[in-house]
PDB file of N, CA and C in Angstrom:
ATOM      1  N   MET A   1     -56.602 -34.313  19.642  1.00  0.00           N
ATOM      2  CA  MET A   1     -55.306 -34.128  19.045  1.00  0.00           C
ATOM      3  C   MET A   1     -55.110 -32.687  18.578  1.00  0.00           C
ATOM      4  N   GLU A   2     -56.141 -32.087  18.055  1.00  0.00           N
ATOM      5  CA  GLU A   2     -56.021 -30.703  17.599  1.00  0.00           C
ATOM      6  C   GLU A   2     -55.764 -29.762  18.761  1.00  0.00           C
ATOM      7  N   PHE A   3     -56.343 -30.058  19.901  1.00  0.00           N
ATOM      8  CA  PHE A   3     -56.164 -29.209  21.073  1.00  0.00           C
ATOM      9  C   PHE A   3     -54.715 -29.224  21.542  1.00  0.00           C
ATOM     10  N   LYS A   4     -54.079 -30.385  21.537  1.00  0.00           N
ATOM     11  CA  LYS A   4     -52.672 -30.480  21.934  1.00  0.00           C
ATOM     12  C   LYS A   4     -51.776 -29.725  20.951  1.00  0.00           C
ATOM     13  N   ALA A   5     -52.057 -29.812  19.676  1.00  0.00           N
ATOM     14  CA  ALA A   5     -51.266 -29.108  18.667  1.00  0.00           C
ATOM     15  C   ALA A   5     -51.425 -27.592  18.835  1.00  0.00           C
ATOM     16  N   TYR A   6     -52.679 -27.191  19.136  1.00  0.00           N
ATOM     17  CA  TYR A   6     -52.946 -25.765  19.350  1.00  0.00           C
ATOM     18  C   TYR A   6     -52.169 -25.250  20.558  1.00  0.00           C
ATOM     19  N   MET A   7     -52.163 -25.996  21.653  1.00  0.00           N
ATOM     20  CA  MET A   7     -51.463 -25.596  22.871  1.00  0.00           C
ATOM     21  C   MET A   7     -49.947 -25.580  22.643  1.00  0.00           C
ATOM     22  N   SER A   8     -49.457 -26.524  21.848  1.00  0.00           N
ATOM     23  CA  SER A   8     -48.036 -26.579  21.551  1.00  0.00           C
ATOM     24  C   SER A   8     -47.613 -25.344  20.743  1.00  0.00           C
ATOM     25  N   MET A   9     -48.432 -24.969  19.754  1.00  0.00           N
ATOM     26  CA  MET A   9     -48.135 -23.788  18.941  1.00  0.00           C
ATOM     27  C   MET A   9     -48.199 -22.512  19.795  1.00  0.00           C
ATOM     28  N   ARG A  10     -49.171 -22.483  20.696  1.00  0.00           N
ATOM     29  CA  ARG A  10     -49.342 -21.314  21.549  1.00  0.00           C
ATOM     30  C   ARG A  10     -48.151 -21.150  22.496  1.00  0.00           C
ATOM     31  N   SER A  11     -47.650 -22.211  23.067  1.00  0.00           N
ATOM     32  CA  SER A  11     -46.510 -22.117  23.973  1.00  0.00           C
ATOM     33  C   SER A  11     -45.242 -21.745  23.210  1.00  0.00           C
ATOM     34  N   LYS A  12     -45.109 -22.168  21.951  1.00  0.00           N
ATOM     35  CA  LYS A  12     -43.956 -21.774  21.150  1.00  0.00           C
ATOM     36  C   LYS A  12     -44.006 -20.282  20.845  1.00  0.00           C
ATOM     37  N   LYS A  13     -45.207 -19.772  20.553  1.00  0.00           N
ATOM     38  CA  LYS A  13     -45.348 -18.340  20.291  1.00  0.00           C
ATOM     39  C   LYS A  13     -45.058 -17.542  21.564  1.00  0.00           C
ATOM     40  N   SER A  14     -45.527 -18.005  22.687  1.00  0.00           N
ATOM     41  CA  SER A  14     -45.290 -17.311  23.956  1.00  0.00           C
ATOM     42  C   SER A  14     -43.798 -17.309  24.296  1.00  0.00           C
ATOM     43  N   GLY A  15     -43.129 -18.393  24.069  1.00  0.00           N
ATOM     44  CA  GLY A  15     -41.690 -18.470  24.321  1.00  0.00           C
ATOM     45  C   GLY A  15     -40.909 -17.534  23.418  1.00  0.00           C
ATOM     46  N   PHE A  16     -41.313 -17.465  22.147  1.00  0.00           N
ATOM     47  CA  PHE A  16     -40.659 -16.588  21.196  1.00  0.00           C
ATOM     48  C   PHE A  16     -40.862 -15.119  21.594  1.00  0.00           C
ATOM     49  N   VAL A  17     -42.059 -14.763  21.984  1.00  0.00           N
ATOM     50  CA  VAL A  17     -42.362 -13.400  22.411  1.00  0.00           C
ATOM     51  C   VAL A  17     -41.571 -13.063  23.671  1.00  0.00           C
ATOM     52  N   LEU A  18     -41.460 -13.997  24.578  1.00  0.00           N
ATOM     53  CA  LEU A  18     -40.710 -13.778  25.807  1.00  0.00           C
ATOM     54  C   LEU A  18     -39.227 -13.547  25.518  1.00  0.00           C
ATOM     55  N   ILE A  19     -38.645 -14.312  24.628  1.00  0.00           N
ATOM     56  CA  ILE A  19     -37.225 -14.136  24.268  1.00  0.00           C
ATOM     57  C   ILE A  19     -37.010 -12.784  23.595  1.00  0.00           C
ATOM     58  N   ILE A  20     -37.890 -12.414  22.682  1.00  0.00           N
ATOM     59  CA  ILE A  20     -37.778 -11.115  21.995  1.00  0.00           C
ATOM     60  C   ILE A  20     -37.898  -9.980  23.013  1.00  0.00           C
ATOM     61  N   THR A  21     -38.807 -10.094  23.957  1.00  0.00           N
ATOM     62  CA  THR A  21     -38.991  -9.070  24.984  1.00  0.00           C
ATOM     63  C   THR A  21     -37.744  -8.933  25.850  1.00  0.00           C
ATOM     64  N   ILE A  22     -37.170 -10.037  26.251  1.00  0.00           N
ATOM     65  CA  ILE A  22     -35.952 -10.008  27.077  1.00  0.00           C
ATOM     66  C   ILE A  22     -34.804  -9.357  26.300  1.00  0.00           C
ATOM     67  N   ILE A  23     -34.656  -9.709  25.038  1.00  0.00           N
ATOM     68  CA  ILE A  23     -33.593  -9.132  24.211  1.00  0.00           C
ATOM     69  C   ILE A  23     -33.790  -7.631  24.058  1.00  0.00           C
ATOM     70  N   LEU A  24     -35.013  -7.182  23.821  1.00  0.00           N
ATOM     71  CA  LEU A  24     -35.270  -5.747  23.669  1.00  0.00           C
ATOM     72  C   LEU A  24     -35.018  -4.984  24.969  1.00  0.00           C
ATOM     73  N   VAL A  25     -35.397  -5.557  26.093  1.00  0.00           N
ATOM     74  CA  VAL A  25     -35.146  -4.902  27.379  1.00  0.00           C
ATOM     75  C   VAL A  25     -33.648  -4.773  27.621  1.00  0.00           C
ATOM     76  N   ILE A  26     -32.898  -5.792  27.318  1.00  0.00           N
ATOM     77  CA  ILE A  26     -31.438  -5.744  27.495  1.00  0.00           C
ATOM     78  C   ILE A  26     -30.818  -4.691  26.577  1.00  0.00           C
ATOM     79  N   LEU A  27     -31.240  -4.657  25.317  1.00  0.00           N
ATOM     80  CA  LEU A  27     -30.689  -3.683  24.373  1.00  0.00           C
ATOM     81  C   LEU A  27     -30.993  -2.253  24.803  1.00  0.00           C
ATOM     82  N   PHE A  28     -32.222  -1.981  25.210  1.00  0.00           N
ATOM     83  CA  PHE A  28     -32.576  -0.628  25.625  1.00  0.00           C
ATOM     84  C   PHE A  28     -31.890  -0.235  26.933  1.00  0.00           C
ATOM     85  N   SER A  29     -31.674  -1.170  27.821  1.00  0.00           N
ATOM     86  CA  SER A  29     -30.958  -0.827  29.058  1.00  0.00           C
ATOM     87  C   SER A  29     -29.490  -0.520  28.770  1.00  0.00           C
ATOM     88  N   LEU A  30     -28.861  -1.273  27.874  1.00  0.00           N
ATOM     89  CA  LEU A  30     -27.477  -0.981  27.491  1.00  0.00           C
ATOM     90  C   LEU A  30     -27.379   0.372  26.799  1.00  0.00           C
ATOM     91  N   TYR A  31     -28.341   0.672  25.956  1.00  0.00           N
ATOM     92  CA  TYR A  31     -28.358   1.959  25.257  1.00  0.00           C
ATOM     93  C   TYR A  31     -28.532   3.102  26.255  1.00  0.00           C
ATOM     94  N   SER A  32     -29.377   2.934  27.243  1.00  0.00           N
ATOM     95  CA  SER A  32     -29.561   3.992  28.243  1.00  0.00           C
ATOM     96  C   SER A  32     -28.298   4.179  29.080  1.00  0.00           C
ATOM     97  N   LEU A  33     -27.562   3.101  29.373  1.00  0.00           N
ATOM     98  CA  LEU A  33     -26.294   3.231  30.093  1.00  0.00           C
ATOM     99  C   LEU A  33     -25.273   4.019  29.289  1.00  0.00           C
ATOM    100  N   VAL A  34     -25.233   3.787  27.986  1.00  0.00           N
ATOM    101  CA  VAL A  34     -24.304   4.524  27.126  1.00  0.00           C
ATOM    102  C   VAL A  34     -24.661   6.010  27.127  1.00  0.00           C
ATOM    103  N   ILE A  35     -25.943   6.327  27.067  1.00  0.00           N
ATOM    104  CA  ILE A  35     -26.370   7.730  27.082  1.00  0.00           C
ATOM    105  C   ILE A  35     -25.993   8.390  28.402  1.00  0.00           C
ATOM    106  N   LEU A  36     -26.230   7.727  29.521  1.00  0.00           N
ATOM    107  CA  LEU A  36     -25.890   8.294  30.819  1.00  0.00           C
ATOM    108  C   LEU A  36     -24.384   8.489  30.974  1.00  0.00           C
ATOM    109  N   GLU A  37     -23.611   7.534  30.489  1.00  0.00           N
ATOM    110  CA  GLU A  37     -22.153   7.645  30.566  1.00  0.00           C
ATOM    111  C   GLU A  37     -21.661   8.820  29.731  1.00  0.00           C
ATOM    112  N   THR A  38     -22.213   8.998  28.552  1.00  0.00           N
ATOM    113  CA  THR A  38     -21.830  10.109  27.684  1.00  0.00           C
ATOM    114  C   THR A  38     -22.160  11.446  28.333  1.00  0.00           C
ATOM    115  N   ASN A  39     -23.328  11.543  28.952  1.00  0.00           N
ATOM    116  CA  ASN A  39     -23.701  12.789  29.627  1.00  0.00           C
ATOM    117  C   ASN A  39     -22.781  13.083  30.809  1.00  0.00           C
ATOM    118  N   THR A  40     -22.390  12.062  31.538  1.00  0.00           N
ATOM    119  CA  THR A  40     -21.494  12.257  32.673  1.00  0.00           C
ATOM    120  C   THR A  40     -20.118  12.723  32.210  1.00  0.00           C
ATOM    121  N   ILE A  41     -19.599  12.110  31.173  1.00  0.00           N
ATOM    122  CA  ILE A  41     -18.291  12.504  30.643  1.00  0.00           C
ATOM    123  C   ILE A  41     -18.347  13.927  30.096  1.00  0.00           C
ATOM    124  N   SER A  42     -19.419  14.265  29.409  1.00  0.00           N
ATOM    125  CA  SER A  42     -19.572  15.607  28.863  1.00  0.00           C
ATOM    126  C   SER A  42     -19.633  16.643  29.975  1.00  0.00           C
ATOM    127  N   SER A  43     -20.324  16.334  31.042  1.00  0.00           N
ATOM    128  CA  SER A  43     -20.415  17.251  32.178  1.00  0.00           C
ATOM    129  C   SER A  43     -19.046  17.456  32.818  1.00  0.00           C
ATOM    130  N   ASN A  44     -18.281  16.383  32.950  1.00  0.00           N
ATOM    131  CA  ASN A  44     -16.943  16.469  33.536  1.00  0.00           C
ATOM    132  C   ASN A  44     -16.010  17.291  32.641  1.00  0.00           C
ATOM    133  N   ILE A  45     -16.116  17.123  31.344  1.00  0.00           N
ATOM    134  CA  ILE A  45     -15.277  17.882  30.412  1.00  0.00           C
ATOM    135  C   ILE A  45     -15.616  19.362  30.494  1.00  0.00           C
ATOM    136  N   ASN A  46     -16.899  19.698  30.592  1.00  0.00           N
ATOM    137  CA  ASN A  46     -17.292  21.105  30.707  1.00  0.00           C
ATOM    138  C   ASN A  46     -16.754  21.724  31.996  1.00  0.00           C
ATOM    139  N   LYS A  47     -16.753  20.966  33.078  1.00  0.00           N
ATOM    140  CA  LYS A  47     -16.214  21.464  34.348  1.00  0.00           C
ATOM    141  C   LYS A  47     -14.713  21.734  34.212  1.00  0.00           C
ATOM    142  N   LEU A  48     -13.986  20.807  33.579  1.00  0.00           N
ATOM    143  CA  LEU A  48     -12.541  20.996  33.399  1.00  0.00           C
ATOM    144  C   LEU A  48     -12.243  22.192  32.495  1.00  0.00           C
ATOM    145  N   LYS A  49     -13.042  22.384  31.453  1.00  0.00           N
ATOM    146  CA  LYS A  49     -12.865  23.545  30.580  1.00  0.00           C
ATOM    147  C   LYS A  49     -13.052  24.840  31.359  1.00  0.00           C
ATOM    148  N   TYR A  50     -14.089  24.877  32.195  1.00  0.00           N
ATOM    149  CA  TYR A  50     -14.362  26.071  32.991  1.00  0.00           C
ATOM    150  C   TYR A  50     -13.211  26.362  33.951  1.00  0.00           C
ATOM    151  N   LEU A  51     -12.730  25.338  34.645  1.00  0.00           N
ATOM    152  CA  LEU A  51     -11.641  25.537  35.599  1.00  0.00           C
ATOM    153  C   LEU A  51     -10.356  25.973  34.904  1.00  0.00           C
ATOM    154  N   HIS A  52     -10.069  25.404  33.740  1.00  0.00           N
ATOM    155  CA  HIS A  52      -8.870  25.792  32.993  1.00  0.00           C
ATOM    156  C   HIS A  52      -8.976  27.235  32.512  1.00  0.00           C
ATOM    157  N   LEU A  53     -10.138  27.631  32.041  1.00  0.00           N
ATOM    158  CA  LEU A  53     -10.335  28.999  31.588  1.00  0.00           C
ATOM    159  C   LEU A  53     -10.176  29.986  32.746  1.00  0.00           C
ATOM    160  N   GLN A  54     -10.721  29.650  33.893  1.00  0.00           N
ATOM    161  CA  GLN A  54     -10.608  30.520  35.062  1.00  0.00           C
ATOM    162  C   GLN A  54      -9.150  30.638  35.504  1.00  0.00           C
ATOM    163  N   ALA A  55      -8.413  29.537  35.506  1.00  0.00           N
ATOM    164  CA  ALA A  55      -6.985  29.578  35.858  1.00  0.00           C
ATOM    165  C   ALA A  55      -6.206  30.420  34.845  1.00  0.00           C
ATOM    166  N   TYR A  56      -6.558  30.317  33.583  1.00  0.00           N
ATOM    167  CA  TYR A  56      -5.902  31.107  32.532  1.00  0.00           C
ATOM    168  C   TYR A  56      -6.164  32.602  32.738  1.00  0.00           C
ATOM    169  N   ILE A  57      -7.378  32.954  33.139  1.00  0.00           N
ATOM    170  CA  ILE A  57      -7.704  34.357  33.413  1.00  0.00           C
ATOM    171  C   ILE A  57      -6.883  34.866  34.597  1.00  0.00           C
ATOM    172  N   HIS A  58      -6.767  34.063  35.645  1.00  0.00           N
ATOM    173  CA  HIS A  58      -5.942  34.443  36.793  1.00  0.00           C
ATOM    174  C   HIS A  58      -4.483  34.609  36.378  1.00  0.00           C
ATOM    175  N   MET A  59      -3.992  33.711  35.539  1.00  0.00           N
ATOM    176  CA  MET A  59      -2.608  33.787  35.078  1.00  0.00           C
ATOM    177  C   MET A  59      -2.366  35.082  34.304  1.00  0.00           C
ATOM    178  N   ASN A  60      -3.274  35.428  33.424  1.00  0.00           N
ATOM    179  CA  ASN A  60      -3.114  36.672  32.661  1.00  0.00           C
ATOM    180  C   ASN A  60      -3.156  37.900  33.570  1.00  0.00           C
ATOM    181  N   TYR A  61      -4.005  37.869  34.588  1.00  0.00           N
ATOM    182  CA  TYR A  61      -4.067  38.975  35.534  1.00  0.00           C
ATOM    183  C   TYR A  61      -2.728  39.142  36.268  1.00  0.00           C
ATOM    184  N   ILE A  62      -2.169  38.047  36.734  1.00  0.00           N
ATOM    185  CA  ILE A  62      -0.887  38.098  37.452  1.00  0.00           C
ATOM    186  C   ILE A  62       0.227  38.577  36.516  1.00  0.00           C
ATOM    187  N   LYS A  63       0.258  38.057  35.288  1.00  0.00           N
ATOM    188  CA  LYS A  63       1.287  38.477  34.327  1.00  0.00           C
ATOM    189  C   LYS A  63       1.186  39.964  34.022  1.00  0.00           C
ATOM    190  N   ASP A  64      -0.031  40.445  33.787  1.00  0.00           N
ATOM    191  CA  ASP A  64      -0.214  41.869  33.497  1.00  0.00           C
ATOM    192  C   ASP A  64       0.195  42.735  34.677  1.00  0.00           C
ATOM    193  N   THR A  65      -0.118  42.288  35.875  1.00  0.00           N
ATOM    194  CA  THR A  65       0.254  43.041  37.072  1.00  0.00           C
ATOM    195  C   THR A  65       1.764  43.099  37.218  1.00  0.00           C
ATOM    196  N   ILE A  66       2.441  41.995  37.009  1.00  0.00           N
ATOM    197  CA  ILE A  66       3.908  41.964  37.142  1.00  0.00           C
ATOM    198  C   ILE A  66       4.570  42.838  36.088  1.00  0.00           C
ATOM    199  N   THR A  67       4.111  42.745  34.850  1.00  0.00           N
ATOM    200  CA  THR A  67       4.753  43.520  33.781  1.00  0.00           C
ATOM    201  C   THR A  67       4.414  45.004  33.833  1.00  0.00           C
ATOM    202  N   SER A  68       3.280  45.375  34.402  1.00  0.00           N
ATOM    203  CA  SER A  68       2.895  46.786  34.401  1.00  0.00           C
ATOM    204  C   SER A  68       3.486  47.573  35.568  1.00  0.00           C
ATOM    205  N   LEU A  69       3.772  46.938  36.675  1.00  0.00           N
ATOM    206  CA  LEU A  69       4.311  47.646  37.837  1.00  0.00           C
ATOM    207  C   LEU A  69       5.834  47.641  37.822  1.00  0.00           C
ATOM    208  N   ASP A  70       6.412  48.717  38.379  1.00  0.00           N
ATOM    209  CA  ASP A  70       7.878  48.804  38.434  1.00  0.00           C
ATOM    210  C   ASP A  70       8.439  47.876  39.500  1.00  0.00           C
ATOM    211  N   SER A  71       7.940  47.980  40.717  1.00  0.00           N
ATOM    212  CA  SER A  71       8.405  47.089  41.773  1.00  0.00           C
ATOM    213  C   SER A  71       7.199  46.274  42.249  1.00  0.00           C
ATOM    214  N   VAL A  72       7.356  44.986  42.184  1.00  0.00           N
ATOM    215  CA  VAL A  72       6.247  44.099  42.509  1.00  0.00           C
ATOM    216  C   VAL A  72       6.565  43.352  43.794  1.00  0.00           C
ATOM    217  N   ASP A  73       5.674  43.470  44.765  1.00  0.00           N
ATOM    218  CA  ASP A  73       5.783  42.680  45.983  1.00  0.00           C
ATOM    219  C   ASP A  73       4.986  41.394  45.739  1.00  0.00           C
ATOM    220  N   ILE A  74       5.693  40.290  45.552  1.00  0.00           N
ATOM    221  CA  ILE A  74       4.988  39.057  45.183  1.00  0.00           C
ATOM    222  C   ILE A  74       4.143  38.516  46.320  1.00  0.00           C
ATOM    223  N   ASN A  75       4.423  38.926  47.533  1.00  0.00           N
ATOM    224  CA  ASN A  75       3.593  38.491  48.651  1.00  0.00           C
ATOM    225  C   ASN A  75       2.239  39.187  48.636  1.00  0.00           C
ATOM    226  N   ALA A  76       2.185  40.367  48.030  1.00  0.00           N
ATOM    227  CA  ALA A  76       0.926  41.111  47.973  1.00  0.00           C
ATOM    228  C   ALA A  76       0.026  40.611  46.840  1.00  0.00           C
ATOM    229  N   LEU A  77       0.617  39.946  45.871  1.00  0.00           N
ATOM    230  CA  LEU A  77      -0.190  39.430  44.765  1.00  0.00           C
ATOM    231  C   LEU A  77      -1.013  38.240  45.239  1.00  0.00           C
ATOM    232  N   ASP A  78      -2.280  38.303  44.967  1.00  0.00           N
ATOM    233  CA  ASP A  78      -3.157  37.218  45.399  1.00  0.00           C
ATOM    234  C   ASP A  78      -4.369  37.185  44.481  1.00  0.00           C
ATOM    235  N   ILE A  79      -4.933  36.015  44.334  1.00  0.00           N
ATOM    236  CA  ILE A  79      -6.197  35.875  43.630  1.00  0.00           C
ATOM    237  C   ILE A  79      -7.256  35.522  44.661  1.00  0.00           C
ATOM    238  N   ASN A  80      -8.329  36.224  44.617  1.00  0.00           N
ATOM    239  CA  ASN A  80      -9.391  35.998  45.604  1.00  0.00           C
ATOM    240  C   ASN A  80     -10.326  34.910  45.110  1.00  0.00           C
ATOM    241  N   ASP A  81      -9.825  33.708  45.120  1.00  0.00           N
ATOM    242  CA  ASP A  81     -10.621  32.569  44.674  1.00  0.00           C
ATOM    243  C   ASP A  81     -10.281  31.378  45.565  1.00  0.00           C
ATOM    244  N   ASN A  82     -11.280  30.741  46.094  1.00  0.00           N
ATOM    245  CA  ASN A  82     -11.062  29.620  47.014  1.00  0.00           C
ATOM    246  C   ASN A  82     -10.711  28.322  46.304  1.00  0.00           C
ATOM    247  N   ARG A  83     -10.754  28.315  44.979  1.00  0.00           N
ATOM    248  CA  ARG A  83     -10.505  27.074  44.241  1.00  0.00           C
ATOM    249  C   ARG A  83      -9.068  26.904  43.784  1.00  0.00           C
ATOM    250  N   TYR A  84      -8.273  27.957  43.852  1.00  0.00           N
ATOM    251  CA  TYR A  84      -6.927  27.904  43.274  1.00  0.00           C
ATOM    252  C   TYR A  84      -5.861  28.252  44.300  1.00  0.00           C
ATOM    253  N   ASP A  85      -4.709  27.614  44.148  1.00  0.00           N
ATOM    254  CA  ASP A  85      -3.506  27.969  44.900  1.00  0.00           C
ATOM    255  C   ASP A  85      -2.579  28.730  43.961  1.00  0.00           C
ATOM    256  N   LEU A  86      -1.976  29.770  44.473  1.00  0.00           N
ATOM    257  CA  LEU A  86      -1.065  30.585  43.684  1.00  0.00           C
ATOM    258  C   LEU A  86       0.312  30.545  44.328  1.00  0.00           C
ATOM    259  N   ASN A  87       1.326  30.273  43.512  1.00  0.00           N
ATOM    260  CA  ASN A  87       2.699  30.246  43.994  1.00  0.00           C
ATOM    261  C   ASN A  87       3.546  31.040  43.013  1.00  0.00           C
ATOM    262  N   ILE A  88       4.226  32.074  43.518  1.00  0.00           N
ATOM    263  CA  ILE A  88       5.086  32.905  42.673  1.00  0.00           C
ATOM    264  C   ILE A  88       6.480  32.908  43.282  1.00  0.00           C
ATOM    265  N   SER A  89       7.465  32.586  42.452  1.00  0.00           N
ATOM    266  CA  SER A  89       8.866  32.620  42.887  1.00  0.00           C
ATOM    267  C   SER A  89       9.580  33.724  42.111  1.00  0.00           C
ATOM    268  N   LYS A  90      10.398  34.454  42.823  1.00  0.00           N
ATOM    269  CA  LYS A  90      11.129  35.570  42.216  1.00  0.00           C
ATOM    270  C   LYS A  90      12.609  35.221  42.193  1.00  0.00           C
ATOM    271  N   VAL A  91      13.234  35.308  41.008  1.00  0.00           N
ATOM    272  CA  VAL A  91      14.650  34.983  40.853  1.00  0.00           C
ATOM    273  C   VAL A  91      15.344  36.174  40.195  1.00  0.00           C
ATOM    274  N   TYR A  92      16.405  36.662  40.846  1.00  0.00           N
ATOM    275  CA  TYR A  92      17.181  37.773  40.297  1.00  0.00           C
ATOM    276  C   TYR A  92      18.322  37.222  39.455  1.00  0.00           C
ATOM    277  N   ASP A  93      18.484  37.799  38.293  1.00  0.00           N
ATOM    278  CA  ASP A  93      19.611  37.480  37.430  1.00  0.00           C
ATOM    279  C   ASP A  93      20.249  38.828  37.073  1.00  0.00           C
ATOM    280  N   MET A  94      21.385  38.842  36.499  1.00  0.00           N
ATOM    281  CA  MET A  94      22.182  40.044  36.235  1.00  0.00           C
ATOM    282  C   MET A  94      21.345  41.337  36.137  1.00  0.00           C
ATOM    283  N   ASN A  95      20.687  41.560  35.056  1.00  0.00           N
ATOM    284  CA  ASN A  95      19.922  42.794  34.905  1.00  0.00           C
ATOM    285  C   ASN A  95      18.435  42.514  34.638  1.00  0.00           C
ATOM    286  N   LYS A  96      17.990  41.378  35.062  1.00  0.00           N
ATOM    287  CA  LYS A  96      16.575  41.055  34.871  1.00  0.00           C
ATOM    288  C   LYS A  96      16.060  40.247  36.060  1.00  0.00           C
ATOM    289  N   THR A  97      14.765  40.290  36.227  1.00  0.00           N
ATOM    290  CA  THR A  97      14.098  39.551  37.289  1.00  0.00           C
ATOM    291  C   THR A  97      13.135  38.570  36.648  1.00  0.00           C
ATOM    292  N   SER A  98      13.195  37.338  37.092  1.00  0.00           N
ATOM    293  CA  SER A  98      12.297  36.308  36.565  1.00  0.00           C
ATOM    294  C   SER A  98      11.271  35.946  37.627  1.00  0.00           C
ATOM    295  N   TYR A  99      10.040  35.810  37.189  1.00  0.00           N
ATOM    296  CA  TYR A  99       8.954  35.398  38.074  1.00  0.00           C
ATOM    297  C   TYR A  99       8.403  34.077  37.559  1.00  0.00           C
ATOM    298  N   TYR A 100       8.432  33.068  38.387  1.00  0.00           N
ATOM    299  CA  TYR A 100       7.831  31.781  38.048  1.00  0.00           C
ATOM    300  C   TYR A 100       6.449  31.736  38.687  1.00  0.00           C
ATOM    301  N   ILE A 101       5.429  31.664  37.865  1.00  0.00           N
ATOM    302  CA  ILE A 101       4.045  31.682  38.349  1.00  0.00           C
ATOM    303  C   ILE A 101       3.475  30.278  38.191  1.00  0.00           C
ATOM    304  N   TYR A 102       2.869  29.799  39.256  1.00  0.00           N
ATOM    305  CA  TYR A 102       2.274  28.464  39.250  1.00  0.00           C
ATOM    306  C   TYR A 102       0.888  28.547  39.875  1.00  0.00           C
ATOM    307  N   ILE A 103      -0.138  28.193  39.115  1.00  0.00           N
ATOM    308  CA  ILE A 103      -1.525  28.203  39.592  1.00  0.00           C
ATOM    309  C   ILE A 103      -2.082  26.794  39.430  1.00  0.00           C
ATOM    310  N   LYS A 104      -2.682  26.272  40.509  1.00  0.00           N
ATOM    311  CA  LYS A 104      -3.305  24.955  40.427  1.00  0.00           C
ATOM    312  C   LYS A 104      -4.566  24.932  41.272  1.00  0.00           C
ATOM    313  N   THR A 105      -5.438  24.008  40.957  1.00  0.00           N
ATOM    314  CA  THR A 105      -6.683  23.893  41.715  1.00  0.00           C
ATOM    315  C   THR A 105      -6.412  23.224  43.055  1.00  0.00           C
ATOM    316  N   LYS A 106      -7.240  23.567  44.041  1.00  0.00           N
ATOM    317  CA  LYS A 106      -7.076  22.997  45.375  1.00  0.00           C
ATOM    318  C   LYS A 106      -7.690  21.610  45.487  1.00  0.00           C
ATOM    319  N   ASP A 107      -8.678  21.321  44.668  1.00  0.00           N
ATOM    320  CA  ASP A 107      -9.320  20.001  44.748  1.00  0.00           C
ATOM    321  C   ASP A 107      -8.585  18.999  43.869  1.00  0.00           C
ATOM    322  N   GLU A 108      -9.204  17.879  43.584  1.00  0.00           N
ATOM    323  CA  GLU A 108      -8.528  16.784  42.888  1.00  0.00           C
ATOM    324  C   GLU A 108      -8.473  16.936  41.366  1.00  0.00           C
ATOM    325  N   THR A 109      -9.060  17.996  40.812  1.00  0.00           N
ATOM    326  CA  THR A 109      -9.025  18.157  39.358  1.00  0.00           C
ATOM    327  C   THR A 109      -7.606  18.492  38.904  1.00  0.00           C
ATOM    328  N   PRO A 110      -7.193  17.927  37.790  1.00  0.00           N
ATOM    329  CA  PRO A 110      -5.789  18.079  37.355  1.00  0.00           C
ATOM    330  C   PRO A 110      -5.548  19.344  36.531  1.00  0.00           C
ATOM    331  N   ILE A 111      -5.902  20.494  37.071  1.00  0.00           N
ATOM    332  CA  ILE A 111      -5.691  21.754  36.361  1.00  0.00           C
ATOM    333  C   ILE A 111      -4.534  22.489  37.021  1.00  0.00           C
ATOM    334  N   CYS A 112      -3.497  22.759  36.248  1.00  0.00           N
ATOM    335  CA  CYS A 112      -2.400  23.584  36.749  1.00  0.00           C
ATOM    336  C   CYS A 112      -1.757  24.298  35.563  1.00  0.00           C
ATOM    337  N   LEU A 113      -1.418  25.542  35.798  1.00  0.00           N
ATOM    338  CA  LEU A 113      -0.752  26.359  34.788  1.00  0.00           C
ATOM    339  C   LEU A 113       0.528  26.909  35.397  1.00  0.00           C
ATOM    340  N   GLN A 114       1.562  26.973  34.588  1.00  0.00           N
ATOM    341  CA  GLN A 114       2.803  27.587  35.050  1.00  0.00           C
ATOM    342  C   GLN A 114       3.393  28.394  33.913  1.00  0.00           C
ATOM    343  N   GLU A 115       4.014  29.486  34.300  1.00  0.00           N
ATOM    344  CA  GLU A 115       4.572  30.366  33.286  1.00  0.00           C
ATOM    345  C   GLU A 115       5.744  31.141  33.873  1.00  0.00           C
ATOM    346  N   LEU A 116       6.622  31.540  33.008  1.00  0.00           N
ATOM    347  CA  LEU A 116       7.784  32.334  33.383  1.00  0.00           C
ATOM    348  C   LEU A 116       7.605  33.736  32.806  1.00  0.00           C
ATOM    349  N   VAL A 117       7.718  34.746  33.669  1.00  0.00           N
ATOM    350  CA  VAL A 117       7.654  36.140  33.227  1.00  0.00           C
ATOM    351  C   VAL A 117       9.015  36.766  33.528  1.00  0.00           C
ATOM    352  N   VAL A 118       9.666  37.278  32.500  1.00  0.00           N
ATOM    353  CA  VAL A 118      10.981  37.902  32.657  1.00  0.00           C
ATOM    354  C   VAL A 118      10.796  39.402  32.504  1.00  0.00           C
ATOM    355  N   LYS A 119      11.315  40.127  33.481  1.00  0.00           N
ATOM    356  CA  LYS A 119      11.186  41.568  33.489  1.00  0.00           C
ATOM    357  C   LYS A 119      12.567  42.186  33.597  1.00  0.00           C
ATOM    358  N   ASN A 120      12.886  43.112  32.685  1.00  0.00           N
ATOM    359  CA  ASN A 120      14.198  43.780  32.720  1.00  0.00           C
ATOM    360  C   ASN A 120      14.191  44.825  33.816  1.00  0.00           C
ATOM    361  N   ASN A 121      15.313  44.930  34.517  1.00  0.00           N
ATOM    362  CA  ASN A 121      15.417  45.892  35.619  1.00  0.00           C
ATOM    363  C   ASN A 121      15.743  47.265  35.115  1.00  0.00           C
TER     364      ASN A 121
END
């Protein structure tokens, strides 16, 4: 009789240890998924920050070029970067010229900047 009681207690302890082990494995796997997801999102945010900063630098270069030159050939203005598309529209008004500048990335990232530069004639 003592042997059966001993075996019964032993199987209860083994079952309890098995349940605790399964719960801990599940918790640690969920925690590792959260860490990986956070790292992926952080990496994506850093990429978007970099692309936005680069587009902003290109925008400032184009604006400075337009405002510093007397006559600007908008077809000659270009940014030597394979990641961005540049579109400049020139509109004449009474005694001023307006330039609409639009810069966006060529890939699927949602980075685009647009600005209006008004220059008096």
